[in-house]
Amino acid sequence: MVEVRGMEGWVWVAYEPYQRRFLGLWFSWIRSSMAAEAFLRQITRRYGRHPVYTDGASWCPEACKALSLEHRLLNDEYRSLIERAIQAFKDRTEALDDNHPWRRRGCNLNHVKNRLRLFNLHQQPEYQKLITQLKEAISLK
């Protein structure tokens, strides 16, 4: 859960702990099996069908069953690793909203979705490698 414009919103996260990579981020105002199913459908289109590991929330097994995906529970080792990554993401999202709030009436939340996309881009190893190479090239001049 993140707080956006004083309201609770839910960020659905697909995270690959071996590569320390966010595979997908999705925002919704509700937390339900239908929202989980929509997110998992998007992830399976992009990456194919794989087992889904969750923290045991009741809506996830229902969503996996609807999509015929194998559902597994996280063990403690991976849970702490994933929770740290997600907490860092949530802290950054809330801090950005606190410092740059969006107050326009009739907001369609594109700014939140764009922030999610930007965060996801900045976390990708390829992007981080490119930034490091650019910094090195600039320092050599």
N, C-alpha and C. Protein backbone atom coordinates (compact mmCIF):
# COMPACT_ATOMS: atom_id res chain seq x y z
N MET A 1 0.84 -1.16 0.00
CA MET A 1 0.00 0.00 0.00
C MET A 1 0.89 1.23 0.00
N VAL A 2 0.53 2.19 -0.85
CA VAL A 2 1.18 3.50 -0.84
C VAL A 2 0.09 4.56 -0.71
N GLU A 3 0.47 5.69 -0.18
CA GLU A 3 -0.48 6.78 -0.04
C GLU A 3 -0.24 7.78 -1.16
N VAL A 4 -1.27 8.03 -1.96
CA VAL A 4 -1.20 8.96 -3.07
C VAL A 4 -2.35 9.93 -2.94
N ARG A 5 -2.02 11.22 -2.88
CA ARG A 5 -3.04 12.26 -2.72
C ARG A 5 -3.92 12.00 -1.50
N GLY A 6 -3.32 11.47 -0.45
CA GLY A 6 -4.06 11.21 0.78
C GLY A 6 -4.94 9.98 0.74
N MET A 7 -4.86 9.20 -0.31
CA MET A 7 -5.69 8.00 -0.43
C MET A 7 -4.78 6.78 -0.55
N GLU A 8 -5.30 5.63 -0.12
CA GLU A 8 -4.55 4.39 -0.22
C GLU A 8 -4.65 3.81 -1.62
N GLY A 9 -3.51 3.47 -2.17
CA GLY A 9 -3.45 2.80 -3.46
C GLY A 9 -2.57 1.57 -3.32
N TRP A 10 -2.70 0.66 -4.24
CA TRP A 10 -1.96 -0.59 -4.15
C TRP A 10 -1.04 -0.74 -5.34
N VAL A 11 0.20 -1.06 -5.06
CA VAL A 11 1.18 -1.30 -6.11
C VAL A 11 1.45 -2.80 -6.13
N TRP A 12 1.22 -3.39 -7.28
CA TRP A 12 1.46 -4.81 -7.49
C TRP A 12 2.85 -4.94 -8.10
N VAL A 13 3.67 -5.82 -7.54
CA VAL A 13 5.07 -5.91 -7.93
C VAL A 13 5.43 -7.34 -8.31
N ALA A 14 6.11 -7.47 -9.44
CA ALA A 14 6.74 -8.74 -9.81
C ALA A 14 8.24 -8.50 -9.71
N TYR A 15 8.91 -9.26 -8.86
CA TYR A 15 10.32 -9.02 -8.56
C TYR A 15 11.11 -10.31 -8.74
N GLU A 16 12.25 -10.22 -9.39
CA GLU A 16 13.15 -11.36 -9.60
C GLU A 16 14.32 -11.21 -8.64
N PRO A 17 14.35 -12.00 -7.55
CA PRO A 17 15.37 -11.78 -6.53
C PRO A 17 16.79 -12.16 -6.95
N TYR A 18 16.94 -13.11 -7.87
CA TYR A 18 18.30 -13.49 -8.30
C TYR A 18 18.98 -12.36 -9.06
N GLN A 19 18.22 -11.68 -9.90
CA GLN A 19 18.77 -10.57 -10.68
C GLN A 19 18.54 -9.23 -10.01
N ARG A 20 17.81 -9.23 -8.89
CA ARG A 20 17.43 -8.00 -8.19
C ARG A 20 16.79 -7.02 -9.16
N ARG A 21 15.75 -7.51 -9.80
CA ARG A 21 15.13 -6.76 -10.89
C ARG A 21 13.61 -6.76 -10.75
N PHE A 22 13.03 -5.59 -10.91
CA PHE A 22 11.58 -5.48 -10.96
C PHE A 22 11.13 -5.86 -12.36
N LEU A 23 10.28 -6.86 -12.47
CA LEU A 23 9.79 -7.30 -13.76
C LEU A 23 8.54 -6.54 -14.18
N GLY A 24 7.80 -6.09 -13.21
CA GLY A 24 6.59 -5.35 -13.52
C GLY A 24 6.04 -4.64 -12.30
N LEU A 25 5.44 -3.50 -12.54
CA LEU A 25 4.78 -2.71 -11.50
C LEU A 25 3.42 -2.31 -12.03
N TRP A 26 2.42 -2.36 -11.18
CA TRP A 26 1.06 -2.02 -11.61
C TRP A 26 0.35 -1.36 -10.44
N PHE A 27 -0.40 -0.32 -10.71
CA PHE A 27 -1.08 0.44 -9.66
C PHE A 27 -2.59 0.24 -9.76
N SER A 28 -3.24 0.08 -8.59
CA SER A 28 -4.71 0.02 -8.57
C SER A 28 -5.20 0.62 -7.25
N TRP A 29 -6.44 1.03 -7.25
CA TRP A 29 -7.04 1.57 -6.03
C TRP A 29 -7.63 0.47 -5.16
N ILE A 30 -7.75 -0.72 -5.70
CA ILE A 30 -8.35 -1.82 -4.94
C ILE A 30 -7.35 -2.97 -4.79
N ARG A 31 -7.59 -3.77 -3.77
CA ARG A 31 -6.76 -4.94 -3.51
C ARG A 31 -7.71 -6.13 -3.51
N SER A 32 -7.74 -6.83 -4.64
CA SER A 32 -8.67 -7.95 -4.78
C SER A 32 -8.09 -8.99 -5.72
N SER A 33 -8.76 -10.14 -5.81
CA SER A 33 -8.30 -11.18 -6.71
C SER A 33 -8.43 -10.74 -8.17
N MET A 34 -9.39 -9.87 -8.45
CA MET A 34 -9.53 -9.38 -9.84
C MET A 34 -8.37 -8.47 -10.22
N ALA A 35 -7.94 -7.62 -9.29
CA ALA A 35 -6.78 -6.76 -9.55
C ALA A 35 -5.52 -7.61 -9.69
N ALA A 36 -5.36 -8.60 -8.82
CA ALA A 36 -4.20 -9.50 -8.91
C ALA A 36 -4.20 -10.26 -10.23
N GLU A 37 -5.36 -10.70 -10.65
CA GLU A 37 -5.47 -11.43 -11.92
C GLU A 37 -5.09 -10.54 -13.10
N ALA A 38 -5.53 -9.30 -13.10
CA ALA A 38 -5.18 -8.38 -14.19
C ALA A 38 -3.67 -8.16 -14.24
N PHE A 39 -3.05 -8.00 -13.07
CA PHE A 39 -1.60 -7.81 -13.03
C PHE A 39 -0.87 -9.07 -13.50
N LEU A 40 -1.28 -10.23 -13.01
CA LEU A 40 -0.62 -11.48 -13.41
C LEU A 40 -0.81 -11.77 -14.90
N ARG A 41 -1.94 -11.40 -15.44
CA ARG A 41 -2.17 -11.58 -16.87
C ARG A 41 -1.15 -10.74 -17.67
N GLN A 42 -0.93 -9.52 -17.23
CA GLN A 42 0.04 -8.64 -17.88
C GLN A 42 1.45 -9.24 -17.80
N ILE A 43 1.81 -9.76 -16.64
CA ILE A 43 3.15 -10.34 -16.46
C ILE A 43 3.33 -11.60 -17.30
N THR A 44 2.31 -12.46 -17.36
CA THR A 44 2.45 -13.70 -18.14
C THR A 44 2.51 -13.40 -19.63
N ARG A 45 1.87 -12.35 -20.08
CA ARG A 45 2.01 -11.97 -21.50
C ARG A 45 3.44 -11.58 -21.82
N ARG A 46 4.07 -10.91 -20.89
CA ARG A 46 5.44 -10.41 -21.12
C ARG A 46 6.49 -11.49 -20.93
N TYR A 47 6.34 -12.33 -19.90
CA TYR A 47 7.40 -13.26 -19.53
C TYR A 47 7.03 -14.73 -19.66
N GLY A 48 5.81 -15.03 -20.01
CA GLY A 48 5.39 -16.42 -20.10
C GLY A 48 4.86 -16.93 -18.77
N ARG A 49 4.50 -18.20 -18.77
CA ARG A 49 3.88 -18.82 -17.59
C ARG A 49 4.97 -19.39 -16.69
N HIS A 50 4.98 -18.94 -15.45
CA HIS A 50 5.92 -19.40 -14.44
C HIS A 50 5.18 -19.54 -13.11
N PRO A 51 5.75 -20.29 -12.17
CA PRO A 51 5.14 -20.33 -10.83
C PRO A 51 5.12 -18.93 -10.22
N VAL A 52 4.10 -18.65 -9.44
CA VAL A 52 3.95 -17.35 -8.79
C VAL A 52 4.18 -17.54 -7.30
N TYR A 53 5.17 -16.84 -6.77
CA TYR A 53 5.47 -16.88 -5.34
C TYR A 53 4.87 -15.65 -4.69
N THR A 54 4.11 -15.85 -3.61
CA THR A 54 3.49 -14.72 -2.92
C THR A 54 3.67 -14.88 -1.41
N ASP A 55 3.26 -13.84 -0.71
CA ASP A 55 3.34 -13.85 0.75
C ASP A 55 2.15 -14.54 1.40
N GLY A 56 1.24 -15.06 0.61
CA GLY A 56 0.10 -15.78 1.14
C GLY A 56 -1.18 -14.97 1.23
N ALA A 57 -1.19 -13.78 0.62
CA ALA A 57 -2.41 -12.98 0.62
C ALA A 57 -3.53 -13.77 -0.06
N SER A 58 -4.73 -13.64 0.47
CA SER A 58 -5.84 -14.49 0.03
C SER A 58 -6.24 -14.29 -1.43
N TRP A 59 -6.01 -13.11 -1.97
CA TRP A 59 -6.44 -12.85 -3.35
C TRP A 59 -5.49 -13.45 -4.38
N CYS A 60 -4.24 -13.73 -4.02
CA CYS A 60 -3.27 -14.25 -4.99
C CYS A 60 -3.55 -15.68 -5.43
N PRO A 61 -3.84 -16.62 -4.53
CA PRO A 61 -4.15 -17.98 -4.99
C PRO A 61 -5.37 -18.02 -5.90
N GLU A 62 -6.36 -17.18 -5.60
CA GLU A 62 -7.55 -17.12 -6.46
C GLU A 62 -7.19 -16.65 -7.86
N ALA A 63 -6.34 -15.62 -7.94
CA ALA A 63 -5.93 -15.10 -9.25
C ALA A 63 -5.11 -16.13 -10.01
N CYS A 64 -4.23 -16.82 -9.32
CA CYS A 64 -3.42 -17.86 -9.97
C CYS A 64 -4.31 -18.99 -10.48
N LYS A 65 -5.29 -19.37 -9.70
CA LYS A 65 -6.20 -20.44 -10.11
C LYS A 65 -6.98 -20.03 -11.36
N ALA A 66 -7.43 -18.78 -11.41
CA ALA A 66 -8.19 -18.30 -12.56
C ALA A 66 -7.34 -18.31 -13.84
N LEU A 67 -6.02 -18.11 -13.68
CA LEU A 67 -5.13 -18.09 -14.84
C LEU A 67 -4.38 -19.40 -15.04
N SER A 68 -4.72 -20.40 -14.24
CA SER A 68 -4.05 -21.71 -14.29
C SER A 68 -2.55 -21.59 -14.08
N LEU A 69 -2.15 -20.78 -13.12
CA LEU A 69 -0.74 -20.63 -12.77
C LEU A 69 -0.49 -21.34 -11.45
N GLU A 70 0.70 -21.89 -11.30
CA GLU A 70 1.06 -22.55 -10.06
C GLU A 70 1.36 -21.50 -8.99
N HIS A 71 0.75 -21.64 -7.83
CA HIS A 71 0.95 -20.70 -6.73
C HIS A 71 1.79 -21.35 -5.66
N ARG A 72 2.82 -20.62 -5.19
CA ARG A 72 3.68 -21.10 -4.12
C ARG A 72 3.86 -19.98 -3.10
N LEU A 73 4.12 -20.38 -1.87
CA LEU A 73 4.39 -19.40 -0.81
C LEU A 73 5.88 -19.14 -0.72
N LEU A 74 6.23 -17.89 -0.44
CA LEU A 74 7.63 -17.51 -0.27
C LEU A 74 8.19 -18.11 1.01
N ASN A 75 9.47 -18.49 0.97
CA ASN A 75 10.13 -18.88 2.21
C ASN A 75 10.69 -17.61 2.86
N ASP A 76 11.14 -17.70 4.10
CA ASP A 76 11.57 -16.53 4.86
C ASP A 76 12.75 -15.81 4.24
N GLU A 77 13.68 -16.56 3.65
CA GLU A 77 14.87 -15.94 3.04
C GLU A 77 14.47 -14.99 1.91
N TYR A 78 13.67 -15.47 0.98
CA TYR A 78 13.28 -14.64 -0.15
C TYR A 78 12.30 -13.55 0.27
N ARG A 79 11.46 -13.86 1.24
CA ARG A 79 10.48 -12.86 1.69
C ARG A 79 11.19 -11.61 2.19
N SER A 80 12.23 -11.75 3.01
CA SER A 80 12.92 -10.57 3.54
C SER A 80 13.64 -9.81 2.43
N LEU A 81 14.22 -10.52 1.49
CA LEU A 81 14.90 -9.88 0.36
C LEU A 81 13.91 -9.07 -0.48
N ILE A 82 12.80 -9.68 -0.79
CA ILE A 82 11.79 -9.02 -1.61
C ILE A 82 11.14 -7.87 -0.85
N GLU A 83 10.85 -8.06 0.42
CA GLU A 83 10.23 -7.00 1.22
C GLU A 83 11.12 -5.76 1.30
N ARG A 84 12.44 -5.95 1.40
CA ARG A 84 13.35 -4.80 1.42
C ARG A 84 13.29 -4.02 0.11
N ALA A 85 13.28 -4.74 -1.01
CA ALA A 85 13.21 -4.07 -2.31
C ALA A 85 11.90 -3.32 -2.46
N ILE A 86 10.81 -3.93 -2.05
CA ILE A 86 9.51 -3.30 -2.18
C ILE A 86 9.40 -2.10 -1.23
N GLN A 87 9.94 -2.21 -0.04
CA GLN A 87 9.89 -1.09 0.90
C GLN A 87 10.66 0.10 0.37
N ALA A 88 11.81 -0.14 -0.25
CA ALA A 88 12.58 0.96 -0.86
C ALA A 88 11.76 1.63 -1.95
N PHE A 89 11.08 0.83 -2.75
CA PHE A 89 10.23 1.38 -3.80
C PHE A 89 9.10 2.23 -3.20
N LYS A 90 8.42 1.70 -2.19
CA LYS A 90 7.30 2.42 -1.57
C LYS A 90 7.77 3.73 -0.94
N ASP A 91 8.91 3.69 -0.26
CA ASP A 91 9.44 4.91 0.35
C ASP A 91 9.71 5.99 -0.69
N ARG A 92 10.31 5.60 -1.81
CA ARG A 92 10.60 6.57 -2.88
C ARG A 92 9.32 7.11 -3.50
N THR A 93 8.34 6.25 -3.70
CA THR A 93 7.08 6.68 -4.30
C THR A 93 6.37 7.68 -3.40
N GLU A 94 6.28 7.37 -2.11
CA GLU A 94 5.60 8.27 -1.18
C GLU A 94 6.37 9.57 -1.02
N ALA A 95 7.70 9.52 -1.00
CA ALA A 95 8.49 10.74 -0.88
C ALA A 95 8.30 11.63 -2.10
N LEU A 96 8.24 11.03 -3.28
CA LEU A 96 8.02 11.82 -4.48
C LEU A 96 6.65 12.47 -4.46
N ASP A 97 5.65 11.74 -4.00
CA ASP A 97 4.31 12.30 -3.92
C ASP A 97 4.25 13.40 -2.85
N ASP A 98 4.98 13.24 -1.75
CA ASP A 98 5.01 14.28 -0.71
C ASP A 98 5.67 15.56 -1.22
N ASN A 99 6.76 15.42 -1.97
CA ASN A 99 7.50 16.58 -2.45
C ASN A 99 6.92 17.20 -3.71
N HIS A 100 6.23 16.40 -4.51
CA HIS A 100 5.65 16.88 -5.76
C HIS A 100 4.22 16.38 -5.88
N PRO A 101 3.33 16.87 -5.02
CA PRO A 101 1.95 16.35 -5.04
C PRO A 101 1.20 16.77 -6.30
N TRP A 102 0.29 15.96 -6.68
CA TRP A 102 -0.56 16.22 -7.84
C TRP A 102 -1.94 16.60 -7.33
N ARG A 103 -2.33 17.83 -7.51
CA ARG A 103 -3.55 18.32 -6.88
C ARG A 103 -4.68 18.61 -7.86
N ARG A 104 -4.47 18.40 -9.12
CA ARG A 104 -5.49 18.73 -10.11
C ARG A 104 -6.73 17.87 -9.93
N ARG A 105 -7.90 18.51 -10.02
CA ARG A 105 -9.15 17.75 -9.94
C ARG A 105 -9.33 16.91 -11.19
N GLY A 106 -9.97 15.78 -11.04
CA GLY A 106 -10.20 14.91 -12.19
C GLY A 106 -8.95 14.21 -12.65
N CYS A 107 -7.98 14.08 -11.76
CA CYS A 107 -6.71 13.45 -12.09
C CYS A 107 -6.93 11.99 -12.49
N ASN A 108 -6.32 11.58 -13.59
CA ASN A 108 -6.46 10.20 -14.04
C ASN A 108 -5.29 9.32 -13.59
N LEU A 109 -4.45 9.87 -12.74
CA LEU A 109 -3.30 9.16 -12.14
C LEU A 109 -2.22 8.76 -13.14
N ASN A 110 -2.17 9.40 -14.28
CA ASN A 110 -1.08 9.10 -15.21
C ASN A 110 0.27 9.43 -14.59
N HIS A 111 0.32 10.45 -13.72
CA HIS A 111 1.59 10.80 -13.09
C HIS A 111 2.08 9.65 -12.20
N VAL A 112 1.18 8.96 -11.54
CA VAL A 112 1.59 7.82 -10.70
C VAL A 112 2.10 6.69 -11.59
N LYS A 113 1.39 6.41 -12.64
CA LYS A 113 1.82 5.35 -13.56
C LYS A 113 3.17 5.69 -14.20
N ASN A 114 3.35 6.97 -14.55
CA ASN A 114 4.63 7.38 -15.12
C ASN A 114 5.76 7.26 -14.10
N ARG A 115 5.48 7.56 -12.83
CA ARG A 115 6.49 7.39 -11.79
C ARG A 115 6.86 5.92 -11.64
N LEU A 116 5.87 5.04 -11.71
CA LEU A 116 6.15 3.61 -11.64
C LEU A 116 7.04 3.17 -12.79
N ARG A 117 6.72 3.64 -13.98
CA ARG A 117 7.54 3.27 -15.15
C ARG A 117 8.97 3.80 -15.01
N LEU A 118 9.10 5.03 -14.53
CA LEU A 118 10.42 5.62 -14.36
C LEU A 118 11.22 4.86 -13.30
N PHE A 119 10.59 4.53 -12.19
CA PHE A 119 11.28 3.77 -11.16
C PHE A 119 11.73 2.42 -11.71
N ASN A 120 10.85 1.75 -12.43
CA ASN A 120 11.18 0.45 -13.01
C ASN A 120 12.36 0.57 -13.96
N LEU A 121 12.38 1.61 -14.78
CA LEU A 121 13.49 1.82 -15.70
C LEU A 121 14.79 2.03 -14.94
N HIS A 122 14.77 2.85 -13.91
CA HIS A 122 15.99 3.15 -13.16
C HIS A 122 16.53 1.94 -12.41
N GLN A 123 15.71 0.94 -12.16
CA GLN A 123 16.15 -0.24 -11.42
C GLN A 123 16.73 -1.33 -12.32
N GLN A 124 16.60 -1.18 -13.63
CA GLN A 124 17.05 -2.23 -14.53
C GLN A 124 18.58 -2.23 -14.64
N PRO A 125 19.20 -3.41 -14.57
CA PRO A 125 20.67 -3.49 -14.64
C PRO A 125 21.25 -2.85 -15.90
N GLU A 126 20.56 -3.00 -17.03
CA GLU A 126 21.06 -2.43 -18.28
C GLU A 126 21.13 -0.91 -18.19
N TYR A 127 20.12 -0.32 -17.59
CA TYR A 127 20.06 1.14 -17.45
C TYR A 127 21.16 1.60 -16.49
N GLN A 128 21.32 0.91 -15.37
CA GLN A 128 22.35 1.29 -14.41
C GLN A 128 23.74 1.17 -15.02
N LYS A 129 23.95 0.16 -15.84
CA LYS A 129 25.24 -0.01 -16.51
C LYS A 129 25.48 1.14 -17.49
N LEU A 130 24.46 1.53 -18.22
CA LEU A 130 24.57 2.64 -19.17
C LEU A 130 24.91 3.94 -18.44
N ILE A 131 24.25 4.21 -17.33
CA ILE A 131 24.52 5.42 -16.56
C ILE A 131 25.96 5.42 -16.05
N THR A 132 26.44 4.28 -15.57
CA THR A 132 27.82 4.17 -15.10
C THR A 132 28.80 4.45 -16.23
N GLN A 133 28.53 3.90 -17.41
CA GLN A 133 29.40 4.13 -18.56
C GLN A 133 29.40 5.61 -18.96
N LEU A 134 28.24 6.26 -18.92
CA LEU A 134 28.17 7.68 -19.24
C LEU A 134 28.94 8.52 -18.23
N LYS A 135 28.83 8.20 -16.96
CA LYS A 135 29.57 8.92 -15.93
C LYS A 135 31.07 8.77 -16.12
N GLU A 136 31.50 7.55 -16.46
CA GLU A 136 32.93 7.31 -16.70
C GLU A 136 33.41 8.08 -17.92
N ALA A 137 32.60 8.10 -18.99
CA ALA A 137 32.98 8.83 -20.20
C ALA A 137 33.08 10.33 -19.92
N ILE A 138 32.19 10.85 -19.12
CA ILE A 138 32.21 12.28 -18.81
C ILE A 138 33.42 12.61 -17.94
N SER A 139 33.76 11.74 -17.02
CA SER A 139 34.91 12.01 -16.13
C SER A 139 36.24 11.89 -16.87
N LEU A 140 36.28 11.17 -18.00
CA LEU A 140 37.52 11.05 -18.77
C LEU A 140 37.81 12.28 -19.60
N LYS A 141 36.80 13.10 -19.85
CA LYS A 141 36.99 14.29 -20.70
C LYS A 141 37.75 15.36 -20.00
